[in-house]
Structure formats: C-alpha cells, structure tokens
Amino acid sequence: MKKIVAAAFFALALAAGPAGAQIYVRIGPPRPIVERRPPPPGPRYVWVGGYHRWDGARYVWVRGSYMLPPRAHAHWVPGHWVQRPRGWVWREGHWR
C-alpha cells in the first residue's frame, strides 16, 4: 500500500512540475489579426480576442470567441507576449 501511495504522489509531482515552466521563443510574435466579431450569443457574453500561440515551430492564430464572465463585474485581461532576455514568453489571459 505504501508503494502505491508513493507512486501516486510521485506521479502527481511530475504532472504538476511542467505547469510552471516557461517556453522561450526567439522569434517575436506577428501583429495580431483584426477579427470580425460575430453577434454575441447572449447579453452577458464578453468577447475574448484571438492571439498567436507558438506550436513549437511557428506562430499559429487562435481565433477569438465569446465567453461568460465567472462573476458579475469581472473583466477580461488579454493574454500577451512579453520580451525577456532569453526570448518571448506568453502570459495567459485571465479574468479580473
């Protein structure tokens, strides 16, 4: 039983480790694509704009979409690329 618990703990530690890892991209991101917003699916929906993500070889555009805020008066802080000495790093968007 102790071996199973230890193995499960070790597996969780490995799974959680890469989540905080940063991937540096040496090539700066392209300019954002101007998207045409379709009508929102409902009155409370908020547009979350698209962004360029790095797929390991090149930037790929991820289209924007409408999302429901998690709570009243929440607003979306867009994700963005930040230039660092080692390259470009992606900062995820989030609700504030």
PDB file of N, CA and C in Angstrom:
ATOM      1  N   MET A   1       0.826  -1.197   0.000  1.00  0.00           N
ATOM      2  CA  MET A   1       0.000   0.000   0.000  1.00  0.00           C
ATOM      3  C   MET A   1       0.870   1.260   0.000  1.00  0.00           C
ATOM      4  N   LYS A   2       1.950   1.244   0.776  1.00  0.00           N
ATOM      5  CA  LYS A   2       2.834   2.409   0.830  1.00  0.00           C
ATOM      6  C   LYS A   2       3.445   2.698  -0.538  1.00  0.00           C
ATOM      7  N   LYS A   3       3.750   1.613  -1.274  1.00  0.00           N
ATOM      8  CA  LYS A   3       4.343   1.794  -2.604  1.00  0.00           C
ATOM      9  C   LYS A   3       3.356   2.461  -3.557  1.00  0.00           C
ATOM     10  N   ILE A   4       2.079   2.102  -3.447  1.00  0.00           N
ATOM     11  CA  ILE A   4       1.055   2.696  -4.317  1.00  0.00           C
ATOM     12  C   ILE A   4       0.887   4.175  -3.994  1.00  0.00           C
ATOM     13  N   VAL A   5       0.847   4.522  -2.710  1.00  0.00           N
ATOM     14  CA  VAL A   5       0.710   5.918  -2.302  1.00  0.00           C
ATOM     15  C   VAL A   5       1.929   6.719  -2.761  1.00  0.00           C
ATOM     16  N   ALA A   6       3.118   6.153  -2.576  1.00  0.00           N
ATOM     17  CA  ALA A   6       4.343   6.834  -3.001  1.00  0.00           C
ATOM     18  C   ALA A   6       4.359   7.032  -4.515  1.00  0.00           C
ATOM     19  N   ALA A   7       3.931   6.006  -5.267  1.00  0.00           N
ATOM     20  CA  ALA A   7       3.903   6.116  -6.730  1.00  0.00           C
ATOM     21  C   ALA A   7       2.895   7.177  -7.169  1.00  0.00           C
ATOM     22  N   ALA A   8       1.740   7.229  -6.516  1.00  0.00           N
ATOM     23  CA  ALA A   8       0.740   8.236  -6.860  1.00  0.00           C
ATOM     24  C   ALA A   8       1.257   9.639  -6.560  1.00  0.00           C
ATOM     25  N   PHE A   9       1.906   9.807  -5.422  1.00  0.00           N
ATOM     26  CA  PHE A   9       2.471  11.107  -5.062  1.00  0.00           C
ATOM     27  C   PHE A   9       3.527  11.535  -6.076  1.00  0.00           C
ATOM     28  N   PHE A  10       4.396  10.625  -6.464  1.00  0.00           N
ATOM     29  CA  PHE A  10       5.444  10.909  -7.434  1.00  0.00           C
ATOM     30  C   PHE A  10       4.838  11.294  -8.788  1.00  0.00           C
ATOM     31  N   ALA A  11       3.794  10.563  -9.213  1.00  0.00           N
ATOM     32  CA  ALA A  11       3.143  10.865 -10.484  1.00  0.00           C
ATOM     33  C   ALA A  11       2.511  12.263 -10.463  1.00  0.00           C
ATOM     34  N   LEU A  12       1.887  12.626  -9.346  1.00  0.00           N
ATOM     35  CA  LEU A  12       1.304  13.964  -9.230  1.00  0.00           C
ATOM     36  C   LEU A  12       2.377  15.045  -9.257  1.00  0.00           C
ATOM     37  N   ALA A  13       3.490  14.795  -8.611  1.00  0.00           N
ATOM     38  CA  ALA A  13       4.581  15.774  -8.609  1.00  0.00           C
ATOM     39  C   ALA A  13       5.113  15.991 -10.018  1.00  0.00           C
ATOM     40  N   LEU A  14       5.242  14.923 -10.793  1.00  0.00           N
ATOM     41  CA  LEU A  14       5.711  15.053 -12.173  1.00  0.00           C
ATOM     42  C   LEU A  14       4.696  15.787 -13.033  1.00  0.00           C
ATOM     43  N   ALA A  15       3.431  15.493 -12.837  1.00  0.00           N
ATOM     44  CA  ALA A  15       2.391  16.139 -13.637  1.00  0.00           C
ATOM     45  C   ALA A  15       2.307  17.627 -13.335  1.00  0.00           C
ATOM     46  N   ALA A  16       2.503  18.015 -12.085  1.00  0.00           N
ATOM     47  CA  ALA A  16       2.386  19.423 -11.703  1.00  0.00           C
ATOM     48  C   ALA A  16       3.629  20.218 -12.067  1.00  0.00           C
ATOM     49  N   GLY A  17       4.761  19.592 -12.220  1.00  0.00           N
ATOM     50  CA  GLY A  17       6.013  20.290 -12.477  1.00  0.00           C
ATOM     51  C   GLY A  17       6.028  21.154 -13.721  1.00  0.00           C
ATOM     52  N   PRO A  18       5.687  20.608 -14.900  1.00  0.00           N
ATOM     53  CA  PRO A  18       5.783  21.407 -16.124  1.00  0.00           C
ATOM     54  C   PRO A  18       4.797  22.569 -16.207  1.00  0.00           C
ATOM     55  N   ALA A  19       3.774  22.596 -15.387  1.00  0.00           N
ATOM     56  CA  ALA A  19       2.774  23.654 -15.486  1.00  0.00           C
ATOM     57  C   ALA A  19       3.386  25.041 -15.299  1.00  0.00           C
ATOM     58  N   GLY A  20       4.391  25.178 -14.457  1.00  0.00           N
ATOM     59  CA  GLY A  20       5.003  26.471 -14.221  1.00  0.00           C
ATOM     60  C   GLY A  20       6.166  26.769 -15.154  1.00  0.00           C
ATOM     61  N   ALA A  21       6.494  25.834 -16.037  1.00  0.00           N
ATOM     62  CA  ALA A  21       7.625  26.010 -16.941  1.00  0.00           C
ATOM     63  C   ALA A  21       7.309  27.080 -17.980  1.00  0.00           C
ATOM     64  N   GLN A  22       8.322  27.846 -18.341  1.00  0.00           N
ATOM     65  CA  GLN A  22       8.155  28.867 -19.376  1.00  0.00           C
ATOM     66  C   GLN A  22       8.868  28.417 -20.631  1.00  0.00           C
ATOM     67  N   ILE A  23       8.225  28.644 -21.749  1.00  0.00           N
ATOM     68  CA  ILE A  23       8.836  28.345 -23.039  1.00  0.00           C
ATOM     69  C   ILE A  23       9.238  29.662 -23.661  1.00  0.00           C
ATOM     70  N   TYR A  24      10.496  29.772 -24.013  1.00  0.00           N
ATOM     71  CA  TYR A  24      11.007  30.991 -24.634  1.00  0.00           C
ATOM     72  C   TYR A  24      11.052  30.800 -26.145  1.00  0.00           C
ATOM     73  N   VAL A  25      10.543  31.792 -26.870  1.00  0.00           N
ATOM     74  CA  VAL A  25      10.537  31.773 -28.328  1.00  0.00           C
ATOM     75  C   VAL A  25      11.466  32.887 -28.789  1.00  0.00           C
ATOM     76  N   ARG A  26      12.407  32.555 -29.633  1.00  0.00           N
ATOM     77  CA  ARG A  26      13.387  33.558 -30.077  1.00  0.00           C
ATOM     78  C   ARG A  26      12.830  34.523 -31.114  1.00  0.00           C
ATOM     79  N   ILE A  27      11.774  34.124 -31.786  1.00  0.00           N
ATOM     80  CA  ILE A  27      11.170  34.962 -32.826  1.00  0.00           C
ATOM     81  C   ILE A  27       9.995  35.721 -32.222  1.00  0.00           C
ATOM     82  N   GLY A  28       9.951  37.022 -32.408  1.00  0.00           N
ATOM     83  CA  GLY A  28       8.837  37.820 -31.888  1.00  0.00           C
ATOM     84  C   GLY A  28       7.520  37.468 -32.574  1.00  0.00           C
ATOM     85  N   PRO A  29       6.412  37.658 -31.879  1.00  0.00           N
ATOM     86  CA  PRO A  29       5.116  37.319 -32.464  1.00  0.00           C
ATOM     87  C   PRO A  29       4.723  38.291 -33.574  1.00  0.00           C
ATOM     88  N   PRO A  30       3.923  37.804 -34.538  1.00  0.00           N
ATOM     89  CA  PRO A  30       3.403  38.706 -35.569  1.00  0.00           C
ATOM     90  C   PRO A  30       2.366  39.660 -34.973  1.00  0.00           C
ATOM     91  N   ARG A  31       1.999  40.647 -35.745  1.00  0.00           N
ATOM     92  CA  ARG A  31       0.937  41.559 -35.296  1.00  0.00           C
ATOM     93  C   ARG A  31      -0.366  40.774 -35.159  1.00  0.00           C
ATOM     94  N   PRO A  32      -1.194  41.172 -34.181  1.00  0.00           N
ATOM     95  CA  PRO A  32      -2.490  40.490 -34.038  1.00  0.00           C
ATOM     96  C   PRO A  32      -3.335  40.655 -35.295  1.00  0.00           C
ATOM     97  N   ILE A  33      -4.148  39.674 -35.572  1.00  0.00           N
ATOM     98  CA  ILE A  33      -5.059  39.716 -36.707  1.00  0.00           C
ATOM     99  C   ILE A  33      -6.337  40.422 -36.255  1.00  0.00           C
ATOM    100  N   VAL A  34      -6.819  41.331 -37.079  1.00  0.00           N
ATOM    101  CA  VAL A  34      -8.065  42.026 -36.758  1.00  0.00           C
ATOM    102  C   VAL A  34      -9.206  41.083 -37.119  1.00  0.00           C
ATOM    103  N   GLU A  35      -9.998  40.740 -36.120  1.00  0.00           N
ATOM    104  CA  GLU A  35     -11.089  39.792 -36.333  1.00  0.00           C
ATOM    105  C   GLU A  35     -12.438  40.506 -36.412  1.00  0.00           C
ATOM    106  N   ARG A  36     -13.309  39.974 -37.189  1.00  0.00           N
ATOM    107  CA  ARG A  36     -14.689  40.461 -37.244  1.00  0.00           C
ATOM    108  C   ARG A  36     -15.475  39.705 -36.184  1.00  0.00           C
ATOM    109  N   ARG A  37     -16.032  40.460 -35.244  1.00  0.00           N
ATOM    110  CA  ARG A  37     -16.792  39.833 -34.167  1.00  0.00           C
ATOM    111  C   ARG A  37     -18.203  39.488 -34.621  1.00  0.00           C
ATOM    112  N   PRO A  38     -18.591  38.233 -34.473  1.00  0.00           N
ATOM    113  CA  PRO A  38     -20.000  37.917 -34.760  1.00  0.00           C
ATOM    114  C   PRO A  38     -20.871  38.444 -33.623  1.00  0.00           C
ATOM    115  N   PRO A  39     -22.178  38.467 -33.805  1.00  0.00           N
ATOM    116  CA  PRO A  39     -23.047  38.917 -32.706  1.00  0.00           C
ATOM    117  C   PRO A  39     -22.886  37.994 -31.500  1.00  0.00           C
ATOM    118  N   PRO A  40     -22.955  38.535 -30.300  1.00  0.00           N
ATOM    119  CA  PRO A  40     -22.809  37.693 -29.107  1.00  0.00           C
ATOM    120  C   PRO A  40     -23.975  36.725 -28.972  1.00  0.00           C
ATOM    121  N   PRO A  41     -23.731  35.555 -28.376  1.00  0.00           N
ATOM    122  CA  PRO A  41     -24.809  34.581 -28.206  1.00  0.00           C
ATOM    123  C   PRO A  41     -25.812  34.960 -27.116  1.00  0.00           C
ATOM    124  N   GLY A  42     -25.476  35.955 -26.301  1.00  0.00           N
ATOM    125  CA  GLY A  42     -26.379  36.383 -25.235  1.00  0.00           C
ATOM    126  C   GLY A  42     -25.921  37.709 -24.670  1.00  0.00           C
ATOM    127  N   PRO A  43     -26.725  38.348 -23.839  1.00  0.00           N
ATOM    128  CA  PRO A  43     -26.402  39.690 -23.344  1.00  0.00           C
ATOM    129  C   PRO A  43     -25.207  39.761 -22.390  1.00  0.00           C
ATOM    130  N   ARG A  44     -24.877  38.705 -21.691  1.00  0.00           N
ATOM    131  CA  ARG A  44     -23.781  38.759 -20.703  1.00  0.00           C
ATOM    132  C   ARG A  44     -22.431  38.316 -21.268  1.00  0.00           C
ATOM    133  N   TYR A  45     -22.393  37.882 -22.513  1.00  0.00           N
ATOM    134  CA  TYR A  45     -21.151  37.358 -23.081  1.00  0.00           C
ATOM    135  C   TYR A  45     -20.154  38.477 -23.372  1.00  0.00           C
ATOM    136  N   VAL A  46     -18.874  38.163 -23.206  1.00  0.00           N
ATOM    137  CA  VAL A  46     -17.776  39.111 -23.421  1.00  0.00           C
ATOM    138  C   VAL A  46     -16.875  38.548 -24.519  1.00  0.00           C
ATOM    139  N   TRP A  47     -16.459  39.416 -25.427  1.00  0.00           N
ATOM    140  CA  TRP A  47     -15.540  38.990 -26.493  1.00  0.00           C
ATOM    141  C   TRP A  47     -14.137  38.847 -25.930  1.00  0.00           C
ATOM    142  N   VAL A  48     -13.527  37.691 -26.175  1.00  0.00           N
ATOM    143  CA  VAL A  48     -12.131  37.424 -25.806  1.00  0.00           C
ATOM    144  C   VAL A  48     -11.389  37.289 -27.123  1.00  0.00           C
ATOM    145  N   GLY A  49     -10.553  38.287 -27.425  1.00  0.00           N
ATOM    146  CA  GLY A  49      -9.876  38.343 -28.715  1.00  0.00           C
ATOM    147  C   GLY A  49      -8.906  37.200 -28.949  1.00  0.00           C
ATOM    148  N   GLY A  50      -8.621  36.962 -30.211  1.00  0.00           N
ATOM    149  CA  GLY A  50      -7.688  35.908 -30.592  1.00  0.00           C
ATOM    150  C   GLY A  50      -6.249  36.284 -30.276  1.00  0.00           C
ATOM    151  N   TYR A  51      -5.360  35.335 -30.466  1.00  0.00           N
ATOM    152  CA  TYR A  51      -3.942  35.534 -30.155  1.00  0.00           C
ATOM    153  C   TYR A  51      -3.091  34.549 -30.951  1.00  0.00           C
ATOM    154  N   HIS A  52      -1.824  34.858 -31.068  1.00  0.00           N
ATOM    155  CA  HIS A  52      -0.881  33.946 -31.701  1.00  0.00           C
ATOM    156  C   HIS A  52      -0.274  33.033 -30.630  1.00  0.00           C
ATOM    157  N   ARG A  53      -0.349  31.735 -30.846  1.00  0.00           N
ATOM    158  CA  ARG A  53       0.310  30.800 -29.945  1.00  0.00           C
ATOM    159  C   ARG A  53       1.477  30.154 -30.693  1.00  0.00           C
ATOM    160  N   TRP A  54       2.461  29.705 -29.963  1.00  0.00           N
ATOM    161  CA  TRP A  54       3.630  29.060 -30.542  1.00  0.00           C
ATOM    162  C   TRP A  54       3.379  27.557 -30.550  1.00  0.00           C
ATOM    163  N   ASP A  55       3.506  26.898 -31.709  1.00  0.00           N
ATOM    164  CA  ASP A  55       3.252  25.460 -31.784  1.00  0.00           C
ATOM    165  C   ASP A  55       4.537  24.628 -31.775  1.00  0.00           C
ATOM    166  N   GLY A  56       5.654  25.270 -31.487  1.00  0.00           N
ATOM    167  CA  GLY A  56       6.941  24.573 -31.463  1.00  0.00           C
ATOM    168  C   GLY A  56       7.784  24.850 -32.689  1.00  0.00           C
ATOM    169  N   ALA A  57       7.146  25.340 -33.758  1.00  0.00           N
ATOM    170  CA  ALA A  57       7.865  25.638 -34.993  1.00  0.00           C
ATOM    171  C   ALA A  57       7.490  26.999 -35.565  1.00  0.00           C
ATOM    172  N   ARG A  58       6.268  27.453 -35.274  1.00  0.00           N
ATOM    173  CA  ARG A  58       5.797  28.724 -35.825  1.00  0.00           C
ATOM    174  C   ARG A  58       4.625  29.236 -34.985  1.00  0.00           C
ATOM    175  N   TYR A  59       4.253  30.485 -35.239  1.00  0.00           N
ATOM    176  CA  TYR A  59       3.082  31.054 -34.586  1.00  0.00           C
ATOM    177  C   TYR A  59       1.826  30.630 -35.349  1.00  0.00           C
ATOM    178  N   VAL A  60       0.788  30.300 -34.594  1.00  0.00           N
ATOM    179  CA  VAL A  60      -0.489  29.901 -35.155  1.00  0.00           C
ATOM    180  C   VAL A  60      -1.568  30.770 -34.523  1.00  0.00           C
ATOM    181  N   TRP A  61      -2.479  31.296 -35.334  1.00  0.00           N
ATOM    182  CA  TRP A  61      -3.538  32.156 -34.818  1.00  0.00           C
ATOM    183  C   TRP A  61      -4.643  31.317 -34.185  1.00  0.00           C
ATOM    184  N   VAL A  62      -5.035  31.711 -32.973  1.00  0.00           N
ATOM    185  CA  VAL A  62      -6.167  31.115 -32.270  1.00  0.00           C
ATOM    186  C   VAL A  62      -7.282  32.154 -32.312  1.00  0.00           C
ATOM    187  N   ARG A  63      -8.393  31.815 -32.921  1.00  0.00           N
ATOM    188  CA  ARG A  63      -9.490  32.769 -33.099  1.00  0.00           C
ATOM    189  C   ARG A  63     -10.107  33.165 -31.771  1.00  0.00           C
ATOM    190  N   GLY A  64     -10.605  34.381 -31.720  1.00  0.00           N
ATOM    191  CA  GLY A  64     -11.310  34.863 -30.548  1.00  0.00           C
ATOM    192  C   GLY A  64     -12.678  34.197 -30.425  1.00  0.00           C
ATOM    193  N   SER A  65     -13.278  34.355 -29.256  1.00  0.00           N
ATOM    194  CA  SER A  65     -14.604  33.779 -29.020  1.00  0.00           C
ATOM    195  C   SER A  65     -15.290  34.546 -27.894  1.00  0.00           C
ATOM    196  N   TYR A  66     -16.563  34.303 -27.747  1.00  0.00           N
ATOM    197  CA  TYR A  66     -17.313  34.892 -26.642  1.00  0.00           C
ATOM    198  C   TYR A  66     -17.247  33.958 -25.437  1.00  0.00           C
ATOM    199  N   MET A  67     -17.139  34.550 -24.247  1.00  0.00           N
ATOM    200  CA  MET A  67     -17.131  33.784 -23.007  1.00  0.00           C
ATOM    201  C   MET A  67     -18.051  34.468 -21.998  1.00  0.00           C
ATOM    202  N   LEU A  68     -18.542  33.672 -21.075  1.00  0.00           N
ATOM    203  CA  LEU A  68     -19.320  34.231 -19.970  1.00  0.00           C
ATOM    204  C   LEU A  68     -18.379  34.556 -18.826  1.00  0.00           C
ATOM    205  N   PRO A  69     -18.419  35.741 -18.273  1.00  0.00           N
ATOM    206  CA  PRO A  69     -17.570  36.061 -17.121  1.00  0.00           C
ATOM    207  C   PRO A  69     -17.913  35.147 -15.946  1.00  0.00           C
ATOM    208  N   PRO A  70     -16.919  34.824 -15.124  1.00  0.00           N
ATOM    209  CA  PRO A  70     -17.162  33.924 -13.988  1.00  0.00           C
ATOM    210  C   PRO A  70     -17.977  34.556 -12.874  1.00  0.00           C
ATOM    211  N   ARG A  71     -18.062  35.888 -12.848  1.00  0.00           N
ATOM    212  CA  ARG A  71     -18.809  36.595 -11.798  1.00  0.00           C
ATOM    213  C   ARG A  71     -19.193  37.979 -12.324  1.00  0.00           C
ATOM    214  N   ALA A  72     -20.105  38.615 -11.626  1.00  0.00           N
ATOM    215  CA  ALA A  72     -20.540  39.951 -12.023  1.00  0.00           C
ATOM    216  C   ALA A  72     -19.369  40.935 -11.948  1.00  0.00           C
ATOM    217  N   HIS A  73     -19.298  41.848 -12.865  1.00  0.00           N
ATOM    218  CA  HIS A  73     -18.296  42.929 -12.935  1.00  0.00           C
ATOM    219  C   HIS A  73     -16.879  42.428 -13.223  1.00  0.00           C
ATOM    220  N   ALA A  74     -16.707  41.179 -13.592  1.00  0.00           N
ATOM    221  CA  ALA A  74     -15.380  40.679 -13.975  1.00  0.00           C
ATOM    222  C   ALA A  74     -15.066  41.192 -15.378  1.00  0.00           C
ATOM    223  N   HIS A  75     -13.800  41.480 -15.627  1.00  0.00           N
ATOM    224  CA  HIS A  75     -13.406  41.865 -16.976  1.00  0.00           C
ATOM    225  C   HIS A  75     -12.195  41.050 -17.399  1.00  0.00           C
ATOM    226  N   TRP A  76     -12.083  40.843 -18.711  1.00  0.00           N
ATOM    227  CA  TRP A  76     -11.045  40.005 -19.283  1.00  0.00           C
ATOM    228  C   TRP A  76      -9.759  40.798 -19.478  1.00  0.00           C
ATOM    229  N   VAL A  77      -8.652  40.272 -18.969  1.00  0.00           N
ATOM    230  CA  VAL A  77      -7.328  40.838 -19.192  1.00  0.00           C
ATOM    231  C   VAL A  77      -6.689  39.965 -20.276  1.00  0.00           C
ATOM    232  N   PRO A  78      -6.459  40.507 -21.471  1.00  0.00           N
ATOM    233  CA  PRO A  78      -5.961  39.680 -22.580  1.00  0.00           C
ATOM    234  C   PRO A  78      -4.573  39.108 -22.317  1.00  0.00           C
ATOM    235  N   GLY A  79      -4.346  37.927 -22.860  1.00  0.00           N
ATOM    236  CA  GLY A  79      -3.015  37.343 -22.845  1.00  0.00           C
ATOM    237  C   GLY A  79      -2.104  38.154 -23.753  1.00  0.00           C
ATOM    238  N   HIS A  80      -0.805  38.062 -23.526  1.00  0.00           N
ATOM    239  CA  HIS A  80       0.128  38.836 -24.352  1.00  0.00           C
ATOM    240  C   HIS A  80       1.528  38.230 -24.290  1.00  0.00           C
ATOM    241  N   TRP A  81       2.316  38.539 -25.298  1.00  0.00           N
ATOM    242  CA  TRP A  81       3.706  38.114 -25.357  1.00  0.00           C
ATOM    243  C   TRP A  81       4.578  39.168 -24.687  1.00  0.00           C
ATOM    244  N   VAL A  82       5.540  38.708 -23.867  1.00  0.00           N
ATOM    245  CA  VAL A  82       6.454  39.596 -23.157  1.00  0.00           C
ATOM    246  C   VAL A  82       7.876  39.257 -23.609  1.00  0.00           C
ATOM    247  N   GLN A  83       8.636  40.291 -23.957  1.00  0.00           N
ATOM    248  CA  GLN A  83      10.015  40.055 -24.372  1.00  0.00           C
ATOM    249  C   GLN A  83      10.920  40.028 -23.147  1.00  0.00           C
ATOM    250  N   ARG A  84      11.720  38.997 -23.045  1.00  0.00           N
ATOM    251  CA  ARG A  84      12.688  38.810 -21.962  1.00  0.00           C
ATOM    252  C   ARG A  84      14.069  38.622 -22.586  1.00  0.00           C
ATOM    253  N   PRO A  85      15.125  38.656 -21.783  1.00  0.00           N
ATOM    254  CA  PRO A  85      16.465  38.473 -22.351  1.00  0.00           C
ATOM    255  C   PRO A  85      16.639  37.152 -23.115  1.00  0.00           C
ATOM    256  N   ARG A  86      15.942  36.098 -22.679  1.00  0.00           N
ATOM    257  CA  ARG A  86      16.088  34.793 -23.340  1.00  0.00           C
ATOM    258  C   ARG A  86      15.137  34.605 -24.516  1.00  0.00           C
ATOM    259  N   GLY A  87      14.208  35.534 -24.718  1.00  0.00           N
ATOM    260  CA  GLY A  87      13.251  35.420 -25.816  1.00  0.00           C
ATOM    261  C   GLY A  87      11.880  35.909 -25.393  1.00  0.00           C
ATOM    262  N   TRP A  88      10.867  35.493 -26.134  1.00  0.00           N
ATOM    263  CA  TRP A  88       9.483  35.906 -25.887  1.00  0.00           C
ATOM    264  C   TRP A  88       8.778  34.837 -25.061  1.00  0.00           C
ATOM    265  N   VAL A  89       7.961  35.287 -24.092  1.00  0.00           N
ATOM    266  CA  VAL A  89       7.219  34.400 -23.198  1.00  0.00           C
ATOM    267  C   VAL A  89       5.744  34.782 -23.257  1.00  0.00           C
ATOM    268  N   TRP A  90       4.862  33.775 -23.299  1.00  0.00           N
ATOM    269  CA  TRP A  90       3.427  34.022 -23.331  1.00  0.00           C
ATOM    270  C   TRP A  90       2.874  34.149 -21.917  1.00  0.00           C
ATOM    271  N   ARG A  91       2.096  35.192 -21.673  1.00  0.00           N
ATOM    272  CA  ARG A  91       1.367  35.397 -20.410  1.00  0.00           C
ATOM    273  C   ARG A  91      -0.110  35.161 -20.700  1.00  0.00           C
ATOM    274  N   GLU A  92      -0.686  34.175 -20.060  1.00  0.00           N
ATOM    275  CA  GLU A  92      -2.083  33.812 -20.276  1.00  0.00           C
ATOM    276  C   GLU A  92      -3.040  34.941 -19.908  1.00  0.00           C
ATOM    277  N   GLY A  93      -4.132  35.037 -20.632  1.00  0.00           N
ATOM    278  CA  GLY A  93      -5.193  35.964 -20.275  1.00  0.00           C
ATOM    279  C   GLY A  93      -5.934  35.430 -19.055  1.00  0.00           C
ATOM    280  N   HIS A  94      -6.632  36.322 -18.356  1.00  0.00           N
ATOM    281  CA  HIS A  94      -7.349  35.893 -17.161  1.00  0.00           C
ATOM    282  C   HIS A  94      -8.459  36.888 -16.824  1.00  0.00           C
ATOM    283  N   TRP A  95      -9.372  36.447 -15.987  1.00  0.00           N
ATOM    284  CA  TRP A  95     -10.450  37.300 -15.517  1.00  0.00           C
ATOM    285  C   TRP A  95      -9.992  38.054 -14.276  1.00  0.00           C
ATOM    286  N   ARG A  96     -10.338  39.307 -14.189  1.00  0.00           N
ATOM    287  CA  ARG A  96     -10.030  40.116 -13.016  1.00  0.00           C
ATOM    288  C   ARG A  96     -11.304  40.683 -12.466  1.00  0.00           C
TER     289      ARG A  96
END
